[in-house]
Protein backbone atom coordinates (compact mmCIF):
# COMPACT_ATOMS: atom_id res chain seq x y z
CA MET A 1 -34.42 -27.69 20.02
CA ALA A 2 -32.65 -30.86 18.81
CA ILE A 3 -32.89 -29.58 15.51
CA ASP A 4 -31.80 -25.89 16.63
CA ARG A 5 -27.98 -27.71 17.85
CA TRP A 6 -28.30 -30.24 14.33
CA ALA A 7 -28.41 -26.50 12.70
CA TYR A 8 -25.93 -25.24 14.14
CA GLU A 9 -23.31 -28.09 14.09
CA THR A 10 -23.42 -29.56 10.73
CA ALA A 11 -24.23 -25.64 8.94
CA TRP A 12 -21.25 -23.96 10.44
CA LYS A 13 -18.70 -25.69 9.84
CA PRO A 14 -15.36 -23.21 9.02
CA ASP A 15 -13.09 -24.40 6.48
CA PHE A 16 -9.93 -23.18 7.81
CA SER A 17 -8.14 -23.91 4.22
CA CYS A 18 -10.56 -21.14 2.58
CA LEU A 19 -9.11 -18.74 5.93
CA ARG A 20 -5.37 -19.76 5.24
CA LEU A 21 -6.02 -18.57 1.95
CA MET A 22 -7.76 -15.69 2.35
CA ALA A 23 -4.56 -14.60 4.76
CA ALA A 24 -2.23 -14.98 2.65
CA GLU A 25 -4.23 -13.44 -0.32
CA HIS A 26 -4.61 -10.40 2.54
CA ARG A 27 -0.79 -10.70 2.83
CA ALA A 28 0.05 -10.44 -1.02
CA LEU A 29 -2.45 -7.67 -1.66
CA GLN A 30 -1.33 -5.60 2.03
CA ALA A 31 2.32 -6.10 -0.04
CA ARG A 32 1.26 -5.03 -3.15
CA CYS A 33 -0.07 -1.71 -1.90
CA THR A 34 3.20 -1.14 0.65
CA MET A 35 5.00 -1.70 -2.60
CA ILE A 36 3.51 1.36 -4.79
CA CYS A 37 3.59 3.59 -2.01
CA LYS A 38 6.61 3.20 -0.79
CA ARG A 39 7.11 4.10 -4.97
CA ARG A 40 4.41 6.16 -5.49
CA ASN A 41 6.62 7.90 -2.46
CA ALA A 42 10.08 8.11 -3.99
CA SER A 43 9.04 9.26 -7.05
CA TRP A 44 6.88 12.29 -5.32
CA ALA A 45 10.35 12.46 -3.57
CA ILE A 46 12.06 12.79 -6.41
CA GLU A 47 9.51 14.86 -8.17
CA ARG A 48 9.66 17.51 -5.02
CA ALA A 49 13.22 17.36 -5.12
CA SER A 50 13.80 18.98 -9.19
CA HIS A 51 10.96 21.23 -8.61
CA THR A 52 13.15 22.22 -4.94
CA SER A 53 16.62 22.35 -7.17
CA SER A 54 15.05 23.94 -9.85
CA ALA A 55 13.22 26.57 -8.27
CA LEU A 56 16.95 27.15 -6.86
CA ARG A 57 18.39 27.37 -9.89
CA ILE A 58 16.15 29.81 -11.02
CA GLU A 59 16.59 32.05 -8.06
CA GLN A 60 20.74 31.66 -8.24
CA VAL A 61 20.52 32.98 -12.18
CA ALA A 62 18.40 35.91 -11.09
CA ARG A 63 20.56 36.52 -8.59
CA GLY A 64 23.84 36.39 -11.71
CA GLN A 65 25.47 33.54 -9.31
CA THR A 66 25.29 30.73 -11.90
CA ASP A 67 28.71 28.44 -12.35
């Protein structure tokens, strides 16, 4: 029993500075991922809008509605 208690007390001592560093790295990674996702969504929206406007333009030309 004494050996188990000694093993518990000496082996499991969390290094809180390490945990803080991991949390900071996680937040930085999460922020990077969010930024990349926003960029991709924005580029997708721009691409979608350009395709839509191109499709509308082709449709207008087909109907003879040119500017």
